[in-house]
Amino acid sequence: METLNTSTSASSLLQGTGFRPASQVKSKQRLIINVQGKEDSGKTHFLLTCPAPIALFDLDHNSESVVNKPDFANKEIMMSEYFFEKPSKGSNEAKLIKEADLLWNRFMTEYKQALKEVKTVAIDTAGQLWELLRMARFGKLTQVMPHHYGPLNAEMAQIIDMAKQSDCNLILSSTLAPQYINDQATGFWVRQGWSQLDYKVQYSVELSRAKKGGFQGKVLKFKPEPKMVDQVLINPSFKEIFAKAFPKGI
C-alpha cells in the first residue's frame, strides 16, 4: 500500500484548494453566546455589558428601561426596533407574510452591516427573531409540518455562521417559559425559539435571580473548556466570560 511521505511539508499539500495548515487557523477572539432565563433575570443587562459600540436588535421591546441605566449612560448603543403583527382569527395571511418578509430583509441588511462596523451585535430576543422568520415564510406560527422547517433552520444557522466568520461578538437572549404537554404543565421551564440554537452557539448561560440580590448565571455550554459547564457565576458579565474563554488575553 502506498503511504504518504511524512517528510512532505504540510504547506505543499493540497495546493490550489481551500485547505491550509491547521497551525495557521487562529481562534477569533470574540464570543457567540446565548443567555437565557425567565422574565427579569438580567438578560438585557448582560447584553449591555458587552463591548461597545453595540448594535441592539430590539424585538422584545423591554430594553428602554435598561439602556438608560447609569451603568450604560456613556456607552455607545445603537438600537433598531422591530414590530410585527402576530396571526389572529381572520388574519390576512398574504399581508402578514409580505410585512414580515420586508422586516426580515431589513434585519438581514442591518445585521450584515453591523457585523462589519460594531464590536457587539445583540439580539433581544432570539425567540422573537425565530417568530419573525416563521411569519415571513409561513404567515403563521403553528400548524406547520416539521419537514417544512428545513429551509428555515438553514436561514437561522446562517445568522450564526456569519458571526463566526466575523470579529464581532454575537449575543442572543432567550426567554424561558413553562413547559406544557397536552395542555398540562410539567413543572419544567424550557427555552423558547429555535430548537438548534444551543448546538450552533459556542457558549450558553442560564441567568436567574440570586438569593442575596443581583443575578447569577449557570454555565450550560462552554466550547473551549467543558469543565466550566454547571459552574455558577455571580453577577456574570461579558468581561468575566471572555476572560475565562481567553485566559491569555488578546
Protein backbone atom coordinates (compact mmCIF):
# COMPACT_ATOMS: atom_id res chain seq x y z
CA MET A 1 0.00 0.00 0.00
CA GLU A 2 1.33 3.43 -0.92
CA THR A 3 1.92 5.70 2.07
CA LEU A 4 2.26 9.45 2.33
CA ASN A 5 5.82 10.72 2.66
CA THR A 6 5.84 12.20 6.16
CA SER A 7 8.70 14.47 5.24
CA THR A 8 6.45 16.31 2.82
CA SER A 9 5.88 19.86 4.02
CA ALA A 10 2.29 20.48 5.07
CA SER A 11 2.33 23.76 3.15
CA SER A 12 2.93 21.87 -0.10
CA LEU A 13 -0.09 19.61 0.32
CA LEU A 14 -3.40 20.24 -1.42
CA GLN A 15 -2.14 23.34 -3.19
CA GLY A 16 -4.78 25.17 -5.20
CA THR A 17 -7.55 24.16 -2.78
CA GLY A 18 -9.17 25.74 0.24
CA PHE A 19 -7.02 23.68 2.63
CA ARG A 20 -4.36 25.31 4.83
CA PRO A 21 -2.25 24.04 7.73
CA ALA A 22 -4.25 23.84 10.94
CA SER A 23 -1.43 25.72 12.68
CA GLN A 24 -2.41 28.78 10.65
CA VAL A 25 -6.00 28.74 11.87
CA LYS A 26 -6.29 31.16 14.77
CA SER A 27 -9.22 31.38 17.17
CA LYS A 28 -11.20 34.55 16.70
CA GLN A 29 -11.26 36.50 19.93
CA ARG A 30 -14.97 37.06 20.20
CA LEU A 31 -17.93 35.35 21.86
CA ILE A 32 -21.00 33.83 20.26
CA ILE A 33 -23.22 33.23 23.25
CA ASN A 34 -26.82 32.51 24.24
CA VAL A 35 -28.01 33.98 27.54
CA GLN A 36 -31.36 32.60 28.66
CA GLY A 37 -33.63 32.99 31.64
CA LYS A 38 -37.08 33.77 32.96
CA GLU A 39 -38.52 37.26 32.84
CA ASP A 40 -36.45 39.87 34.73
CA SER A 41 -33.44 37.61 35.19
CA GLY A 42 -30.87 40.09 33.84
CA LYS A 43 -30.69 39.02 30.19
CA THR A 44 -30.81 42.50 28.66
CA HIS A 45 -28.47 43.83 31.34
CA PHE A 46 -25.94 41.16 30.36
CA LEU A 47 -26.24 42.12 26.68
CA LEU A 48 -25.31 45.69 27.53
CA THR A 49 -22.17 44.68 29.46
CA CYS A 50 -20.66 43.67 26.11
CA PRO A 51 -18.01 45.77 24.32
CA ALA A 52 -19.25 48.91 22.57
CA PRO A 53 -20.28 50.01 20.10
CA ILE A 54 -23.28 47.70 20.44
CA ALA A 55 -25.93 47.17 17.75
CA LEU A 56 -29.03 46.08 19.65
CA PHE A 57 -31.84 44.45 17.69
CA ASP A 58 -34.85 45.03 19.93
CA LEU A 59 -37.67 42.61 19.08
CA ASP A 60 -38.91 42.13 22.65
CA HIS A 61 -39.39 45.86 23.42
CA ASN A 62 -38.25 45.65 27.03
CA SER A 63 -34.89 47.35 26.58
CA GLU A 64 -35.65 51.03 27.09
CA SER A 65 -35.68 50.77 30.90
CA VAL A 66 -32.26 49.10 30.83
CA VAL A 67 -30.33 51.09 28.22
CA ASN A 68 -30.92 54.28 30.22
CA LYS A 69 -29.43 52.89 33.43
CA PRO A 70 -26.46 54.90 34.79
CA ASP A 71 -24.28 51.80 34.18
CA PHE A 72 -24.66 52.28 30.43
CA ALA A 73 -25.17 56.06 30.19
CA ASN A 74 -21.84 56.66 28.45
CA LYS A 75 -21.88 53.54 26.32
CA GLU A 76 -22.37 53.72 22.56
CA ILE A 77 -25.53 51.66 22.00
CA MET A 78 -27.46 51.76 18.74
CA MET A 79 -30.99 50.30 18.78
CA SER A 80 -33.13 49.05 15.93
CA GLU A 81 -36.71 48.16 16.90
CA TYR A 82 -38.85 45.56 15.16
CA PHE A 83 -42.63 45.32 15.44
CA PHE A 84 -44.63 42.75 13.52
CA GLU A 85 -48.23 41.56 13.63
CA LYS A 86 -48.94 38.11 15.02
CA PRO A 87 -51.68 35.98 13.42
CA SER A 88 -55.18 36.11 14.88
CA LYS A 89 -58.62 34.94 13.83
CA GLY A 90 -59.40 36.33 10.41
CA SER A 91 -55.79 37.47 9.72
CA ASN A 92 -54.83 38.12 6.12
CA GLU A 93 -52.05 35.56 5.67
CA ALA A 94 -50.69 37.12 2.46
CA LYS A 95 -50.47 40.52 4.18
CA LEU A 96 -48.70 39.05 7.22
CA ILE A 97 -46.15 37.29 5.01
CA LYS A 98 -45.43 40.43 2.99
CA GLU A 99 -44.93 42.64 6.05
CA ALA A 100 -42.81 40.08 7.89
CA ASP A 101 -40.72 39.42 4.78
CA LEU A 102 -39.95 43.13 4.47
CA LEU A 103 -38.86 43.18 8.11
CA TRP A 104 -36.72 40.07 7.70
CA ASN A 105 -34.96 41.60 4.68
CA ARG A 106 -34.38 44.76 6.71
CA PHE A 107 -32.94 42.67 9.54
CA MET A 108 -30.53 40.86 7.21
CA THR A 109 -29.33 44.16 5.71
CA GLU A 110 -28.77 45.76 9.11
CA TYR A 111 -27.24 42.60 10.57
CA LYS A 112 -24.63 42.24 7.82
CA GLN A 113 -23.65 45.89 8.17
CA ALA A 114 -23.49 45.68 11.97
CA LEU A 115 -21.13 42.68 11.88
CA LYS A 116 -18.65 44.86 9.97
CA GLU A 117 -18.98 48.07 11.95
CA VAL A 118 -19.55 47.34 15.66
CA LYS A 119 -17.92 45.31 18.42
CA THR A 120 -21.10 43.53 19.53
CA VAL A 121 -24.38 42.55 17.93
CA ALA A 122 -27.09 41.81 20.50
CA ILE A 123 -30.42 40.18 19.56
CA ASP A 124 -33.20 40.56 22.12
CA THR A 125 -34.70 38.02 21.78
CA ALA A 126 -33.64 35.09 19.57
CA GLY A 127 -37.10 33.58 20.06
CA GLN A 128 -38.78 36.65 18.61
CA LEU A 129 -36.37 36.60 15.67
CA TRP A 130 -37.36 32.98 15.00
CA GLU A 131 -41.04 34.00 15.10
CA LEU A 132 -40.35 36.80 12.61
CA LEU A 133 -38.73 34.34 10.21
CA ARG A 134 -41.63 31.90 10.54
CA MET A 135 -44.09 34.72 9.84
CA ALA A 136 -42.07 35.78 6.80
CA ARG A 137 -42.10 32.27 5.35
CA PHE A 138 -45.41 30.80 6.53
CA GLY A 139 -47.63 33.70 7.65
CA LYS A 140 -48.40 31.69 10.79
CA LEU A 141 -46.66 30.25 13.85
CA THR A 142 -48.49 26.95 14.30
CA GLN A 143 -49.79 24.02 12.23
CA VAL A 144 -46.67 23.87 10.10
CA MET A 145 -45.40 20.43 9.14
CA PRO A 146 -41.94 19.53 10.54
CA HIS A 147 -40.44 18.82 7.09
CA HIS A 148 -41.13 22.42 6.05
CA TYR A 149 -38.64 23.71 8.61
CA GLY A 150 -35.50 22.60 6.76
CA PRO A 151 -35.00 25.87 4.83
CA LEU A 152 -35.80 27.95 7.94
CA ASN A 153 -33.24 26.04 10.01
CA ALA A 154 -30.68 26.81 7.31
CA GLU A 155 -31.55 30.52 7.37
CA MET A 156 -31.17 30.72 11.14
CA ALA A 157 -27.93 28.75 11.03
CA GLN A 158 -26.62 31.27 8.51
CA ILE A 159 -27.10 34.04 11.09
CA ILE A 160 -24.72 32.28 13.49
CA ASP A 161 -22.28 31.27 10.73
CA MET A 162 -21.94 34.86 9.51
CA ALA A 163 -20.95 35.90 13.02
CA LYS A 164 -18.42 33.06 13.21
CA GLN A 165 -16.74 34.43 10.10
CA SER A 166 -16.50 37.91 11.64
CA ASP A 167 -14.58 39.51 14.50
CA CYS A 168 -17.82 40.71 16.08
CA ASN A 169 -19.37 39.34 19.27
CA LEU A 170 -22.88 37.93 18.84
CA ILE A 171 -25.03 37.78 21.96
CA LEU A 172 -28.54 36.34 21.81
CA SER A 173 -31.02 36.45 24.66
CA SER A 174 -33.64 33.72 25.03
CA THR A 175 -36.73 33.50 27.22
CA LEU A 176 -37.63 30.52 29.40
CA ALA A 177 -41.32 29.64 29.67
CA PRO A 178 -43.30 26.89 31.45
CA GLN A 179 -43.45 23.62 29.54
CA TYR A 180 -46.85 22.16 28.67
CA ILE A 181 -47.61 18.70 27.30
CA ASN A 182 -51.21 18.06 26.23
CA ASP A 183 -52.20 21.33 27.91
CA GLN A 184 -50.77 20.12 31.23
CA ALA A 185 -47.91 21.98 32.93
CA THR A 186 -44.93 19.69 33.57
CA GLY A 187 -43.28 21.92 36.15
CA PHE A 188 -40.26 22.42 33.89
CA TRP A 189 -39.13 25.58 32.11
CA VAL A 190 -37.92 25.44 28.51
CA ARG A 191 -36.17 27.85 26.18
CA GLN A 192 -38.42 29.47 23.60
CA GLY A 193 -37.43 29.76 19.95
CA TRP A 194 -35.22 27.95 17.50
CA SER A 195 -34.50 24.40 18.69
CA GLN A 196 -30.97 24.26 17.21
CA LEU A 197 -29.65 27.41 18.88
CA ASP A 198 -27.80 25.56 21.66
CA TYR A 199 -25.93 23.49 19.08
CA LYS A 200 -24.80 26.48 17.00
CA VAL A 201 -23.56 28.85 19.71
CA GLN A 202 -20.18 28.43 21.42
CA TYR A 203 -21.30 29.46 24.91
CA SER A 204 -24.59 29.33 26.78
CA VAL A 205 -25.50 30.67 30.23
CA GLU A 206 -28.80 30.47 32.12
CA LEU A 207 -29.47 33.55 34.25
CA SER A 208 -31.61 33.78 37.37
CA ARG A 209 -32.10 35.97 40.40
CA ALA A 210 -29.54 35.37 43.15
CA LYS A 211 -30.81 34.80 46.70
CA LYS A 212 -28.66 37.64 48.10
CA GLY A 213 -29.61 40.09 45.35
CA GLY A 214 -28.31 40.61 41.86
CA PHE A 215 -28.11 37.81 39.34
CA GLN A 216 -26.34 34.52 38.85
CA GLY A 217 -25.55 32.52 35.74
CA LYS A 218 -25.23 28.75 35.38
CA VAL A 219 -22.92 27.72 32.53
CA LEU A 220 -24.69 25.35 30.14
CA LYS A 221 -22.11 25.27 27.35
CA PHE A 222 -18.52 26.43 27.18
CA LYS A 223 -16.96 25.17 23.98
CA PRO A 224 -13.23 25.68 24.74
CA GLU A 225 -13.42 24.31 28.29
CA PRO A 226 -16.16 21.74 29.08
CA LYS A 227 -15.12 21.76 32.76
CA MET A 228 -16.84 25.14 33.01
CA VAL A 229 -20.25 23.51 32.47
CA ASP A 230 -22.51 23.67 35.57
CA GLN A 231 -20.37 26.32 37.24
CA VAL A 232 -22.36 29.21 38.71
CA LEU A 233 -21.13 32.77 38.16
CA ILE A 234 -22.33 35.59 40.43
CA ASN A 235 -23.44 38.71 38.56
CA PRO A 236 -21.88 37.42 35.32
CA SER A 237 -20.72 39.87 32.69
CA PHE A 238 -19.26 39.64 29.22
CA LYS A 239 -15.85 40.60 30.57
CA GLU A 240 -15.80 37.68 33.03
CA ILE A 241 -16.83 35.07 30.47
CA PHE A 242 -14.40 36.45 27.90
CA ALA A 243 -11.55 36.22 30.43
CA LYS A 244 -12.39 32.56 31.08
CA ALA A 245 -12.65 31.84 27.35
CA PHE A 246 -9.35 33.57 26.57
CA PRO A 247 -7.25 33.39 29.76
CA LYS A 248 -4.12 34.51 27.91
CA GLY A 249 -5.85 37.68 26.74
CA ILE A 250 -5.82 39.18 23.29
